[in-house]
């Protein structure tokens, strides 16, 4: 019987040890689960910080800001773009009119200065002999030719200035 008591007491001790081990096992299981949650939270935080360090978000924000500014600049420049196209059309029309005026004048401007000099150096009698009855109206006609020539030169100069402005604007716009 003593042997039986000894076995019962060993059994009780073994059960107590088992109970203690199960309690400590359950605690270690809880600790492992807590540690696993902590590790996962830290891993997520590291991923977030790495993302921030690679500047994905700030770069995306900068791109958005820059494209907004570029769009606004183009909107702001739209009037200038329209003006440039109007100037281009105006230059084309001016060139057509210049060509018509040159065809109309022919080589009269070259002869006009000599004709004014001729009219101013001859007397009324000499001019009447050449069938020129009214010196003043002839000089006025010659002056019209010279004035038209000057208008053509001024128009060409203005066209050249506008073309220079157009080219400068186009270069700047291309850079934009």
N, C-alpha and C. Protein backbone atom coordinates (compact mmCIF):
# COMPACT_ATOMS: atom_id res chain seq x y z
N UNK A 1 0.79 -1.15 0.00
CA UNK A 1 0.00 0.00 0.00
C UNK A 1 0.86 1.26 0.00
N UNK A 2 1.90 1.06 0.65
CA UNK A 2 2.80 2.19 0.66
C UNK A 2 3.28 2.49 -0.74
N UNK A 3 3.37 1.49 -1.42
CA UNK A 3 3.79 1.69 -2.78
C UNK A 3 2.70 2.44 -3.55
N UNK A 4 1.52 2.12 -3.24
CA UNK A 4 0.40 2.78 -3.88
C UNK A 4 0.37 4.24 -3.46
N UNK A 5 0.62 4.52 -2.20
CA UNK A 5 0.64 5.90 -1.72
C UNK A 5 1.77 6.64 -2.41
N UNK A 6 2.85 5.99 -2.56
CA UNK A 6 3.99 6.60 -3.21
C UNK A 6 3.67 6.92 -4.67
N UNK A 7 3.02 6.04 -5.31
CA UNK A 7 2.63 6.27 -6.69
C UNK A 7 1.61 7.39 -6.79
N UNK A 8 0.65 7.43 -5.82
CA UNK A 8 -0.37 8.49 -5.82
C UNK A 8 0.33 9.82 -5.59
N UNK A 9 1.25 9.83 -4.66
CA UNK A 9 1.92 11.10 -4.38
C UNK A 9 2.78 11.52 -5.58
N UNK A 10 3.42 10.58 -6.26
CA UNK A 10 4.17 10.89 -7.47
C UNK A 10 3.24 11.40 -8.56
N UNK A 11 2.05 10.76 -8.60
CA UNK A 11 1.07 11.19 -9.59
C UNK A 11 0.63 12.61 -9.30
N UNK A 12 0.39 12.91 -8.03
CA UNK A 12 -0.01 14.27 -7.66
C UNK A 12 1.09 15.25 -8.00
N UNK A 13 2.30 14.91 -7.72
CA UNK A 13 3.43 15.80 -8.03
C UNK A 13 3.56 16.00 -9.54
N UNK A 14 3.40 14.91 -10.26
CA UNK A 14 3.49 15.00 -11.71
C UNK A 14 2.37 15.87 -12.26
N UNK A 15 1.14 15.73 -11.67
CA UNK A 15 0.02 16.56 -12.11
C UNK A 15 0.28 18.02 -11.79
N UNK A 16 0.82 18.28 -10.60
CA UNK A 16 1.12 19.67 -10.23
C UNK A 16 2.18 20.26 -11.15
N UNK A 17 3.23 19.48 -11.43
CA UNK A 17 4.26 19.94 -12.35
C UNK A 17 3.67 20.22 -13.74
N UNK A 18 2.77 19.30 -14.16
CA UNK A 18 2.13 19.46 -15.46
C UNK A 18 1.28 20.74 -15.47
N UNK A 19 0.56 20.97 -14.39
CA UNK A 19 -0.28 22.17 -14.31
C UNK A 19 0.59 23.42 -14.36
N UNK A 20 1.71 23.40 -13.62
CA UNK A 20 2.62 24.54 -13.63
C UNK A 20 3.20 24.75 -15.03
N UNK A 21 3.58 23.66 -15.69
CA UNK A 21 4.12 23.75 -17.04
C UNK A 21 3.09 24.30 -18.02
N UNK A 22 1.83 23.82 -17.86
CA UNK A 22 0.77 24.31 -18.75
C UNK A 22 0.54 25.81 -18.54
N UNK A 23 0.56 26.25 -17.28
CA UNK A 23 0.38 27.67 -17.00
C UNK A 23 1.53 28.47 -17.61
N UNK A 24 2.76 28.00 -17.39
CA UNK A 24 3.89 28.73 -17.97
C UNK A 24 3.88 28.67 -19.50
N UNK A 25 3.41 27.52 -20.05
CA UNK A 25 3.29 27.40 -21.50
C UNK A 25 2.26 28.41 -22.04
N UNK A 26 1.12 28.50 -21.35
CA UNK A 26 0.09 29.45 -21.77
C UNK A 26 0.63 30.88 -21.71
N UNK A 27 1.39 31.19 -20.64
CA UNK A 27 1.97 32.53 -20.53
C UNK A 27 2.97 32.78 -21.65
N UNK A 28 3.79 31.78 -21.96
CA UNK A 28 4.77 31.97 -23.03
C UNK A 28 4.08 32.11 -24.40
N UNK A 29 2.94 31.38 -24.54
CA UNK A 29 2.16 31.51 -25.75
C UNK A 29 1.64 32.94 -25.90
N UNK A 30 1.15 33.51 -24.82
CA UNK A 30 0.65 34.89 -24.83
C UNK A 30 1.79 35.86 -25.12
N UNK A 31 2.93 35.60 -24.51
CA UNK A 31 4.08 36.46 -24.72
C UNK A 31 4.51 36.40 -26.19
N UNK A 32 4.54 35.22 -26.78
CA UNK A 32 4.91 35.06 -28.18
C UNK A 32 3.91 35.81 -29.07
N UNK A 33 2.64 35.70 -28.76
CA UNK A 33 1.62 36.39 -29.56
C UNK A 33 1.80 37.91 -29.45
N UNK A 34 2.05 38.38 -28.23
CA UNK A 34 2.28 39.82 -28.04
C UNK A 34 3.52 40.27 -28.81
N UNK A 35 4.58 39.48 -28.71
CA UNK A 35 5.83 39.83 -29.41
C UNK A 35 5.61 39.82 -30.93
N UNK A 36 4.83 38.85 -31.40
CA UNK A 36 4.54 38.78 -32.83
C UNK A 36 3.80 40.03 -33.27
N UNK A 37 2.81 40.48 -32.48
CA UNK A 37 2.08 41.71 -32.81
C UNK A 37 3.00 42.92 -32.80
N UNK A 38 3.87 42.99 -31.81
CA UNK A 38 4.83 44.10 -31.73
C UNK A 38 5.76 44.10 -32.95
N UNK A 39 6.24 42.92 -33.31
CA UNK A 39 7.14 42.81 -34.46
C UNK A 39 6.43 43.25 -35.73
N UNK A 40 5.17 42.80 -35.92
CA UNK A 40 4.43 43.19 -37.12
C UNK A 40 4.20 44.70 -37.13
N UNK A 41 3.86 45.30 -35.99
CA UNK A 41 3.65 46.75 -35.92
C UNK A 41 4.94 47.48 -36.27
N UNK A 42 6.06 47.00 -35.74
CA UNK A 42 7.35 47.62 -36.05
C UNK A 42 7.71 47.46 -37.53
N UNK A 43 7.43 46.29 -38.09
CA UNK A 43 7.70 46.09 -39.51
C UNK A 43 6.88 47.06 -40.37
N UNK A 44 5.60 47.25 -40.02
CA UNK A 44 4.76 48.21 -40.75
C UNK A 44 5.29 49.62 -40.62
N UNK A 45 5.74 49.96 -39.42
CA UNK A 45 6.29 51.31 -39.21
C UNK A 45 7.55 51.50 -40.04
N UNK A 46 8.41 50.47 -40.10
CA UNK A 46 9.64 50.54 -40.89
C UNK A 46 9.29 50.72 -42.37
N UNK A 47 8.28 49.97 -42.86
CA UNK A 47 7.88 50.11 -44.26
C UNK A 47 7.40 51.53 -44.54
N UNK A 48 6.60 52.08 -43.63
CA UNK A 48 6.09 53.45 -43.81
C UNK A 48 7.24 54.45 -43.84
N UNK A 49 8.17 54.28 -42.92
CA UNK A 49 9.32 55.19 -42.86
C UNK A 49 10.19 55.05 -44.11
N UNK A 50 10.39 53.83 -44.58
CA UNK A 50 11.16 53.63 -45.81
C UNK A 50 10.48 54.29 -47.00
N UNK A 51 9.15 54.19 -47.04
CA UNK A 51 8.40 54.84 -48.12
C UNK A 51 8.61 56.35 -48.07
N UNK A 52 8.53 56.90 -46.86
CA UNK A 52 8.75 58.34 -46.70
C UNK A 52 10.16 58.73 -47.09
N UNK A 53 11.12 57.87 -46.80
CA UNK A 53 12.50 58.17 -47.13
C UNK A 53 12.74 58.12 -48.64
N UNK A 54 12.00 57.29 -49.35
CA UNK A 54 12.18 57.24 -50.80
C UNK A 54 11.48 58.40 -51.50
N UNK A 55 10.80 59.22 -50.78
CA UNK A 55 10.21 60.47 -51.25
C UNK A 55 9.10 60.28 -52.28
N UNK A 56 8.40 59.13 -52.25
CA UNK A 56 7.30 58.94 -53.20
C UNK A 56 6.22 59.99 -53.01
N UNK A 57 5.81 60.19 -51.80
CA UNK A 57 4.73 61.14 -51.53
C UNK A 57 5.15 62.59 -51.82
N UNK A 58 6.31 63.03 -51.29
CA UNK A 58 6.70 64.41 -51.60
C UNK A 58 6.92 64.65 -53.10
N UNK A 59 7.49 63.67 -53.81
CA UNK A 59 7.70 63.83 -55.24
C UNK A 59 6.37 63.91 -55.99
N UNK A 60 5.41 63.12 -55.57
CA UNK A 60 4.09 63.17 -56.20
C UNK A 60 3.46 64.54 -55.96
N UNK A 61 3.61 65.07 -54.76
CA UNK A 61 3.06 66.40 -54.44
C UNK A 61 3.77 67.47 -55.27
N UNK A 62 5.09 67.36 -55.39
CA UNK A 62 5.86 68.34 -56.17
C UNK A 62 5.43 68.28 -57.64
N UNK A 63 5.27 67.07 -58.19
CA UNK A 63 4.82 66.94 -59.58
C UNK A 63 3.46 67.60 -59.77
N UNK A 64 2.55 67.36 -58.83
CA UNK A 64 1.22 67.97 -58.93
C UNK A 64 1.33 69.48 -58.92
N UNK A 65 2.12 70.01 -58.02
CA UNK A 65 2.29 71.48 -57.92
C UNK A 65 2.88 72.02 -59.20
N UNK A 66 3.92 71.36 -59.72
CA UNK A 66 4.59 71.84 -60.93
C UNK A 66 3.65 71.81 -62.13
N UNK A 67 2.89 70.73 -62.31
CA UNK A 67 1.99 70.66 -63.46
C UNK A 67 0.88 71.70 -63.33
N UNK A 68 0.46 71.96 -62.10
CA UNK A 68 -0.54 73.02 -61.88
C UNK A 68 0.03 74.36 -62.30
N UNK A 69 1.27 74.64 -61.88
CA UNK A 69 1.93 75.90 -62.25
C UNK A 69 2.13 76.00 -63.76
N UNK A 70 2.54 74.92 -64.40
CA UNK A 70 2.75 74.92 -65.85
C UNK A 70 1.42 75.20 -66.56
N UNK A 71 0.38 74.53 -66.12
CA UNK A 71 -0.94 74.76 -66.70
C UNK A 71 -1.39 76.21 -66.54
N UNK A 72 -1.14 76.76 -65.36
CA UNK A 72 -1.51 78.16 -65.10
C UNK A 72 -0.68 79.09 -65.97
N UNK A 73 0.61 78.79 -66.14
CA UNK A 73 1.46 79.62 -67.00
C UNK A 73 0.96 79.62 -68.44
N UNK A 74 0.57 78.45 -68.93
CA UNK A 74 0.05 78.37 -70.29
C UNK A 74 -1.24 79.16 -70.40
N UNK A 75 -2.10 79.04 -69.39
CA UNK A 75 -3.35 79.81 -69.39
C UNK A 75 -3.04 81.30 -69.37
N UNK A 76 -2.08 81.69 -68.56
CA UNK A 76 -1.70 83.11 -68.49
C UNK A 76 -1.12 83.60 -69.81
N UNK A 77 -0.43 82.72 -70.52
CA UNK A 77 0.22 83.10 -71.78
C UNK A 77 -0.71 82.97 -72.99
N UNK A 78 -1.92 82.47 -72.78
CA UNK A 78 -2.80 82.21 -73.91
C UNK A 78 -3.07 83.48 -74.72
N UNK A 79 -3.28 84.62 -74.04
CA UNK A 79 -3.50 85.87 -74.77
C UNK A 79 -2.29 86.20 -75.64
N UNK A 80 -1.12 85.98 -75.10
CA UNK A 80 0.09 86.25 -75.88
C UNK A 80 0.17 85.32 -77.09
N UNK A 81 -0.21 84.07 -76.90
CA UNK A 81 -0.19 83.11 -78.01
C UNK A 81 -1.17 83.56 -79.09
N UNK A 82 -2.35 83.99 -78.67
CA UNK A 82 -3.33 84.47 -79.65
C UNK A 82 -2.80 85.71 -80.38
N UNK A 83 -2.18 86.62 -79.62
CA UNK A 83 -1.62 87.83 -80.22
C UNK A 83 -0.55 87.48 -81.24
N UNK A 84 0.29 86.51 -80.91
CA UNK A 84 1.35 86.09 -81.84
C UNK A 84 0.75 85.57 -83.13
N UNK A 85 -0.29 84.77 -83.02
CA UNK A 85 -0.92 84.25 -84.24
C UNK A 85 -1.58 85.37 -85.05
N UNK A 86 -2.15 86.35 -84.37
CA UNK A 86 -2.70 87.50 -85.08
C UNK A 86 -1.59 88.29 -85.79
N UNK A 87 -0.45 88.43 -85.12
CA UNK A 87 0.68 89.13 -85.75
C UNK A 87 1.18 88.37 -86.97
N UNK A 88 1.22 87.06 -86.88
CA UNK A 88 1.65 86.25 -88.03
C UNK A 88 0.72 86.48 -89.21
N UNK A 89 -0.59 86.46 -88.94
CA UNK A 89 -1.56 86.73 -90.01
C UNK A 89 -1.38 88.13 -90.58
N UNK A 90 -1.16 89.09 -89.68
CA UNK A 90 -0.97 90.48 -90.12
C UNK A 90 0.27 90.62 -90.99
N UNK A 91 1.34 89.95 -90.62
CA UNK A 91 2.57 90.00 -91.42
C UNK A 91 2.32 89.42 -92.82
N UNK A 92 1.60 88.30 -92.86
CA UNK A 92 1.30 87.70 -94.16
C UNK A 92 0.50 88.66 -95.03
N UNK A 93 -0.52 89.31 -94.45
CA UNK A 93 -1.32 90.27 -95.23
C UNK A 93 -0.46 91.45 -95.66
N UNK A 94 0.42 91.91 -94.78
CA UNK A 94 1.29 93.05 -95.10
C UNK A 94 2.21 92.70 -96.26
N UNK A 95 2.75 91.48 -96.27
CA UNK A 95 3.63 91.07 -97.36
C UNK A 95 2.88 91.05 -98.71
N UNK A 96 1.64 90.62 -98.67
CA UNK A 96 0.84 90.62 -99.90
C UNK A 96 0.65 92.06 -100.39
N UNK A 97 0.31 92.96 -99.47
CA UNK A 97 0.09 94.36 -99.85
C UNK A 97 1.39 95.03 -100.30
N UNK A 98 2.48 94.70 -99.66
CA UNK A 98 3.79 95.24 -100.07
C UNK A 98 4.11 94.81 -101.49
N UNK A 99 3.85 93.55 -101.77
CA UNK A 99 4.12 93.04 -103.13
C UNK A 99 3.26 93.76 -104.16
N UNK A 100 1.97 93.98 -103.83
CA UNK A 100 1.08 94.70 -104.76
C UNK A 100 1.59 96.12 -104.99
N UNK A 101 1.99 96.81 -103.89
CA UNK A 101 2.48 98.18 -104.02
C UNK A 101 3.76 98.25 -104.83
N UNK A 102 4.64 97.29 -104.66
CA UNK A 102 5.89 97.27 -105.44
C UNK A 102 5.61 97.07 -106.92
N UNK A 103 4.66 96.19 -107.21
CA UNK A 103 4.30 95.97 -108.61
C UNK A 103 3.68 97.24 -109.20
N UNK A 104 2.87 97.92 -108.38
CA UNK A 104 2.24 99.16 -108.83
C UNK A 104 3.29 100.26 -109.08
N UNK A 105 4.25 100.37 -108.18
CA UNK A 105 5.27 101.42 -108.30
C UNK A 105 6.30 101.11 -109.39
N UNK A 106 6.60 99.84 -109.53
CA UNK A 106 7.61 99.46 -110.53
C UNK A 106 8.94 100.11 -110.20
N UNK A 107 9.54 100.81 -111.23
CA UNK A 107 10.81 101.49 -110.98
C UNK A 107 10.61 103.00 -110.84
N UNK A 108 9.34 103.40 -110.54
CA UNK A 108 9.06 104.83 -110.39
C UNK A 108 9.85 105.49 -109.25
N UNK A 109 10.08 104.86 -108.11
CA UNK A 109 10.83 105.54 -107.04
C UNK A 109 12.24 105.95 -107.47
N UNK A 110 12.89 105.14 -108.30
CA UNK A 110 14.23 105.50 -108.77
C UNK A 110 14.18 106.75 -109.65
N UNK A 111 13.16 106.81 -110.45
CA UNK A 111 13.02 107.94 -111.37
C UNK A 111 12.45 109.18 -110.67
N UNK A 112 11.76 108.98 -109.54
CA UNK A 112 11.07 110.09 -108.88
C UNK A 112 12.03 111.18 -108.42
N UNK A 113 13.11 110.81 -107.79
CA UNK A 113 14.07 111.82 -107.31
C UNK A 113 14.67 112.62 -108.48
N UNK A 114 15.01 111.92 -109.56
CA UNK A 114 15.55 112.63 -110.73
C UNK A 114 14.50 113.56 -111.34
N UNK A 115 13.23 113.11 -111.32
CA UNK A 115 12.15 113.93 -111.89
C UNK A 115 11.92 115.19 -111.05
N UNK A 116 11.94 115.07 -109.73
CA UNK A 116 11.79 116.26 -108.86
C UNK A 116 12.93 117.23 -109.14
N UNK A 117 14.13 116.72 -109.22
CA UNK A 117 15.29 117.57 -109.51
C UNK A 117 15.12 118.25 -110.88
N UNK A 118 14.68 117.47 -111.85
CA UNK A 118 14.46 118.01 -113.20
C UNK A 118 13.40 119.12 -113.18
N UNK A 119 12.28 118.87 -112.50
CA UNK A 119 11.19 119.86 -112.45
C UNK A 119 11.63 121.14 -111.73
N UNK A 120 12.44 120.99 -110.72
CA UNK A 120 12.89 122.16 -109.95
C UNK A 120 13.98 122.95 -110.68
N UNK A 121 14.66 122.37 -111.62
CA UNK A 121 15.77 123.06 -112.31
C UNK A 121 15.36 123.67 -113.65
N UNK A 122 14.14 123.43 -114.10
CA UNK A 122 13.71 123.97 -115.39
C UNK A 122 12.62 125.02 -115.20
N UNK A 123 12.55 125.91 -116.17
CA UNK A 123 11.57 126.99 -116.11
C UNK A 123 10.24 126.50 -116.65
N UNK A 124 9.21 127.33 -116.45
CA UNK A 124 7.87 127.00 -116.92
C UNK A 124 7.86 126.83 -118.44
N UNK A 125 8.56 127.66 -119.10
CA UNK A 125 8.60 127.60 -120.57
C UNK A 125 9.24 126.29 -121.01
N UNK A 126 10.34 125.91 -120.38
CA UNK A 126 11.02 124.67 -120.75
C UNK A 126 10.12 123.46 -120.49
N UNK A 127 9.38 123.52 -119.37
CA UNK A 127 8.48 122.40 -119.04
C UNK A 127 7.31 122.35 -120.00
N UNK A 128 6.79 123.54 -120.40
CA UNK A 128 5.68 123.58 -121.34
C UNK A 128 6.11 123.00 -122.68
N UNK A 129 7.35 123.22 -123.05
CA UNK A 129 7.86 122.66 -124.30
C UNK A 129 7.89 121.14 -124.23
N UNK A 130 8.04 120.58 -123.02
CA UNK A 130 8.06 119.12 -122.84
C UNK A 130 6.65 118.58 -122.56
N UNK A 131 5.63 119.44 -122.69
CA UNK A 131 4.23 119.08 -122.49
C UNK A 131 3.89 118.83 -121.01
N UNK A 132 4.61 119.51 -120.13
CA UNK A 132 4.30 119.46 -118.70
C UNK A 132 3.69 120.80 -118.37
N UNK A 133 2.37 120.82 -118.16
CA UNK A 133 1.66 122.07 -117.98
C UNK A 133 1.63 122.53 -116.53
N UNK A 134 1.53 121.58 -115.58
CA UNK A 134 1.39 121.97 -114.17
C UNK A 134 2.51 121.31 -113.37
N UNK A 135 3.49 122.13 -113.04
CA UNK A 135 4.65 121.63 -112.30
C UNK A 135 4.24 121.12 -110.92
N UNK A 136 3.37 121.83 -110.22
CA UNK A 136 3.01 121.48 -108.83
C UNK A 136 2.29 120.13 -108.78
N UNK A 137 1.33 119.91 -109.66
CA UNK A 137 0.61 118.63 -109.62
C UNK A 137 1.55 117.48 -110.00
N UNK A 138 2.48 117.73 -110.90
CA UNK A 138 3.46 116.69 -111.26
C UNK A 138 4.36 116.38 -110.07
N UNK A 139 4.81 117.42 -109.38
CA UNK A 139 5.65 117.22 -108.19
C UNK A 139 4.85 116.49 -107.11
N UNK A 140 3.57 116.84 -106.94
CA UNK A 140 2.73 116.15 -105.94
C UNK A 140 2.57 114.66 -106.29
N UNK A 141 2.43 114.37 -107.57
CA UNK A 141 2.34 112.96 -108.00
C UNK A 141 3.64 112.23 -107.67
N UNK A 142 4.75 112.89 -107.95
CA UNK A 142 6.06 112.29 -107.65
C UNK A 142 6.19 112.10 -106.14
N UNK A 143 5.75 113.09 -105.38
CA UNK A 143 5.83 112.97 -103.90
C UNK A 143 4.97 111.81 -103.41
N UNK A 144 3.82 111.58 -104.05
CA UNK A 144 2.98 110.44 -103.67
C UNK A 144 3.75 109.13 -103.88
N UNK A 145 4.47 109.05 -104.98
CA UNK A 145 5.28 107.86 -105.25
C UNK A 145 6.33 107.68 -104.16
N UNK A 146 7.01 108.78 -103.82
CA UNK A 146 8.05 108.69 -102.78
C UNK A 146 7.44 108.36 -101.41
N UNK A 147 6.29 108.96 -101.12
CA UNK A 147 5.61 108.67 -99.85
C UNK A 147 5.20 107.20 -99.79
N UNK A 148 4.67 106.70 -100.89
CA UNK A 148 4.29 105.29 -100.94
C UNK A 148 5.51 104.40 -100.73
N UNK A 149 6.63 104.76 -101.34
CA UNK A 149 7.86 104.00 -101.15
C UNK A 149 8.27 104.01 -99.68
N UNK A 150 8.17 105.19 -99.03
CA UNK A 150 8.52 105.28 -97.60
C UNK A 150 7.57 104.46 -96.74
N UNK A 151 6.29 104.47 -97.10
CA UNK A 151 5.33 103.64 -96.36
C UNK A 151 5.68 102.17 -96.48
N UNK A 152 6.06 101.76 -97.68
CA UNK A 152 6.45 100.36 -97.89
C UNK A 152 7.66 100.01 -97.03
N UNK A 153 8.65 100.89 -97.01
CA UNK A 153 9.85 100.63 -96.20
C UNK A 153 9.49 100.55 -94.71
N UNK A 154 8.65 101.47 -94.25
CA UNK A 154 8.23 101.44 -92.84
C UNK A 154 7.45 100.17 -92.52
N UNK A 155 6.57 99.78 -93.43
CA UNK A 155 5.79 98.56 -93.23
C UNK A 155 6.71 97.34 -93.19
N UNK A 156 7.70 97.30 -94.06
CA UNK A 156 8.66 96.19 -94.03
C UNK A 156 9.44 96.17 -92.73
N UNK A 157 9.85 97.36 -92.25
CA UNK A 157 10.58 97.44 -90.98
C UNK A 157 9.70 96.96 -89.82
N UNK A 158 8.44 97.38 -89.80
CA UNK A 158 7.52 96.95 -88.75
C UNK A 158 7.29 95.44 -88.81
N UNK A 159 7.17 94.91 -90.02
CA UNK A 159 7.01 93.46 -90.17
C UNK A 159 8.23 92.72 -89.63
N UNK A 160 9.41 93.26 -89.91
CA UNK A 160 10.64 92.64 -89.42
C UNK A 160 10.69 92.68 -87.89
N UNK A 161 10.29 93.81 -87.29
CA UNK A 161 10.26 93.92 -85.83
C UNK A 161 9.28 92.92 -85.22
N UNK A 162 8.09 92.82 -85.84
CA UNK A 162 7.11 91.86 -85.34
C UNK A 162 7.62 90.43 -85.48
N UNK A 163 8.29 90.14 -86.58
CA UNK A 163 8.84 88.79 -86.78
C UNK A 163 9.89 88.48 -85.72
N UNK A 164 10.70 89.47 -85.37
CA UNK A 164 11.70 89.29 -84.31
C UNK A 164 11.02 89.00 -82.97
N UNK A 165 9.95 89.73 -82.67
CA UNK A 165 9.20 89.49 -81.43
C UNK A 165 8.58 88.10 -81.44
N UNK A 166 8.04 87.71 -82.58
CA UNK A 166 7.44 86.38 -82.69
C UNK A 166 8.49 85.30 -82.46
N UNK A 167 9.65 85.46 -83.07
CA UNK A 167 10.73 84.47 -82.90
C UNK A 167 11.18 84.39 -81.45
N UNK A 168 11.32 85.53 -80.79
CA UNK A 168 11.74 85.54 -79.38
C UNK A 168 10.69 84.85 -78.51
N UNK A 169 9.42 85.16 -78.76
CA UNK A 169 8.35 84.53 -77.99
C UNK A 169 8.34 83.02 -78.22
N UNK A 170 8.48 82.62 -79.47
CA UNK A 170 8.46 81.19 -79.81
C UNK A 170 9.59 80.46 -79.10
N UNK A 171 10.79 81.05 -79.07
CA UNK A 171 11.91 80.42 -78.38
C UNK A 171 11.61 80.25 -76.91
N UNK A 172 11.07 81.29 -76.27
CA UNK A 172 10.75 81.22 -74.84
C UNK A 172 9.65 80.20 -74.59
N UNK A 173 8.66 80.17 -75.47
CA UNK A 173 7.55 79.25 -75.29
C UNK A 173 8.01 77.82 -75.47
N UNK A 174 8.94 77.60 -76.41
CA UNK A 174 9.48 76.26 -76.63
C UNK A 174 10.19 75.76 -75.37
N UNK A 175 10.92 76.67 -74.71
CA UNK A 175 11.61 76.30 -73.47
C UNK A 175 10.59 75.91 -72.41
N UNK A 176 9.49 76.65 -72.35
CA UNK A 176 8.44 76.36 -71.36
C UNK A 176 7.84 75.00 -71.64
